Structures are given as structure tokens and as C-alpha cells.
Amino acid sequence: MISITLPPEIEQRLKGEATRRGLKAEEYAGRLIVQHLPPAGGATSLTDLFAEWEAEDGTNDAVEIERRNREVASFKQAMDRNRQEMEGLGARRLMP
């Protein structure tokens, strides 16, 4: 069990909103905390998610790295080709 000391004005706001919702202040406070905690065991940001994926899919296998690099290069070429087809020969390349 955790006890939290709130400034009087925050406590009054909490109690008022809890009453408005038909809840006890403690129950409403618990719901607010649960709603705003990051997911248990999951990524908390896009950067964290990318890091998780990198850790899961990382490899030192030279053949696999080369295959992935070719796949990325192919994707970039397709993106640029699509843009050129849509906007004409003078279209700005998306992928350098």
C-alpha cells in the first residue's frame, strides 16, 4: 500500500472529480495512476520500440546483413521510382 500526501487544493480537486464520477477519492486516484503508467514490460516510446526490434532482429551474420541491405536499397529505389512515375522526371528523390 502506498500513501500519497497531496497539497490541499489538489486533494479537493481530486475529491470533487471523484464525487462527480460517483467514486471514492482513493479509487479515482488509483484509476488515474493506472491510466497514466507506461505499459508493463513494453516500450515506452518509439525510440524504445525501435531499440527492442533491433535487439530482437540484430545479427552478425554477414550474409543476412547483405540481404537486408539489398532489401532496403530495393525499397528505396521503389519509393523513388513511384514518386517519379507520379510526379514526372523532375520529381525530387525521397531516398538519397
Protein backbone atom coordinates (compact mmCIF):
# COMPACT_ATOMS: atom_id res chain seq x y z
CA MET A 1 0.00 0.00 0.00
CA ILE A 2 1.22 3.49 -0.87
CA SER A 3 0.17 6.73 0.81
CA ILE A 4 0.45 10.00 -1.06
CA THR A 5 0.31 13.43 0.51
CA LEU A 6 -1.29 15.96 -1.80
CA PRO A 7 -1.45 19.72 -1.46
CA PRO A 8 -4.91 20.72 -0.14
CA GLU A 9 -6.04 22.27 -3.44
CA ILE A 10 -5.14 19.12 -5.40
CA GLU A 11 -6.84 16.92 -2.81
CA GLN A 12 -10.02 19.00 -3.12
CA ARG A 13 -9.95 18.77 -6.91
CA LEU A 14 -9.43 15.01 -6.72
CA LYS A 15 -12.29 14.57 -4.27
CA GLY A 16 -14.57 16.79 -6.33
CA GLU A 17 -13.91 14.91 -9.56
CA ALA A 18 -14.24 11.55 -7.80
CA THR A 19 -17.60 12.59 -6.37
CA ARG A 20 -18.73 13.82 -9.77
CA ARG A 21 -17.90 10.38 -11.17
CA GLY A 22 -19.54 8.54 -8.27
CA LEU A 23 -16.27 7.14 -6.94
CA LYS A 24 -14.29 7.31 -3.73
CA ALA A 25 -11.25 9.59 -3.99
CA GLU A 26 -8.88 6.65 -3.45
CA GLU A 27 -10.48 4.62 -6.24
CA TYR A 28 -10.40 7.55 -8.65
CA ALA A 29 -6.75 8.29 -7.78
CA GLY A 30 -5.86 4.64 -8.45
CA ARG A 31 -7.59 4.75 -11.83
CA LEU A 32 -5.73 7.92 -12.78
CA ILE A 33 -2.41 6.33 -11.89
CA VAL A 34 -3.14 3.16 -13.87
CA GLN A 35 -4.24 5.18 -16.91
CA HIS A 36 -1.01 7.17 -16.96
CA LEU A 37 1.58 4.48 -16.22
CA PRO A 38 3.56 3.16 -19.18
CA PRO A 39 2.65 -0.38 -20.27
CA ALA A 40 4.19 -3.11 -18.14
CA GLY A 41 7.21 -4.61 -19.83
CA GLY A 42 6.59 -2.77 -23.10
CA ALA A 43 8.30 0.04 -24.94
CA THR A 44 7.50 3.49 -23.64
CA SER A 45 8.46 5.41 -26.74
CA LEU A 46 9.01 4.88 -30.42
CA THR A 47 12.76 5.02 -29.82
CA ASP A 48 12.44 2.28 -27.21
CA LEU A 49 10.33 0.21 -29.59
CA PHE A 50 12.91 0.53 -32.36
CA ALA A 51 15.64 -0.48 -29.89
CA GLU A 52 13.60 -3.55 -28.91
CA TRP A 53 13.17 -4.53 -32.55
CA GLU A 54 16.86 -4.03 -33.22
CA ALA A 55 17.74 -6.25 -30.25
CA GLU A 56 15.29 -8.92 -31.40
CA ASP A 57 16.35 -8.89 -35.05
CA GLY A 58 20.03 -7.97 -34.73
CA THR A 59 22.57 -10.25 -36.37
CA ASN A 60 26.27 -10.53 -37.04
CA ASP A 61 25.70 -12.87 -39.99
CA ALA A 62 27.36 -11.19 -42.97
CA VAL A 63 25.09 -12.94 -45.48
CA GLU A 64 21.95 -11.83 -43.63
CA ILE A 65 23.24 -8.26 -43.27
CA GLU A 66 23.92 -8.12 -47.02
CA ARG A 67 20.43 -9.50 -47.77
CA ARG A 68 18.86 -6.85 -45.53
CA ASN A 69 20.93 -4.08 -47.13
CA ARG A 70 19.80 -5.20 -50.61
CA GLU A 71 16.19 -5.25 -49.39
CA VAL A 72 16.48 -1.67 -48.07
CA ALA A 73 18.14 -0.48 -51.29
CA SER A 74 15.38 -2.10 -53.34
CA PHE A 75 12.73 -0.43 -51.18
CA LYS A 76 14.36 2.99 -51.60
CA GLN A 77 14.56 2.55 -55.37
CA ALA A 78 10.89 1.56 -55.50
CA MET A 79 9.91 4.64 -53.46
CA ASP A 80 11.85 6.94 -55.78
CA ARG A 81 10.53 5.19 -58.90
CA ASN A 82 6.95 5.54 -57.64
CA ARG A 83 7.43 9.25 -56.94
CA GLN A 84 8.92 9.79 -60.39
CA GLU A 85 6.00 7.96 -62.02
CA MET A 86 3.52 10.06 -60.05
CA GLU A 87 5.22 13.46 -60.43
CA GLY A 88 7.32 13.17 -63.57
CA LEU A 89 11.02 13.18 -64.38
CA GLY A 90 11.70 16.34 -62.34
CA ALA A 91 10.36 14.84 -59.10
CA ARG A 92 12.55 15.22 -56.05
CA ARG A 93 14.03 11.94 -54.87
CA LEU A 94 12.80 10.82 -51.46
CA MET A 95 15.64 8.45 -50.76
CA PRO A 96 19.22 9.62 -51.22
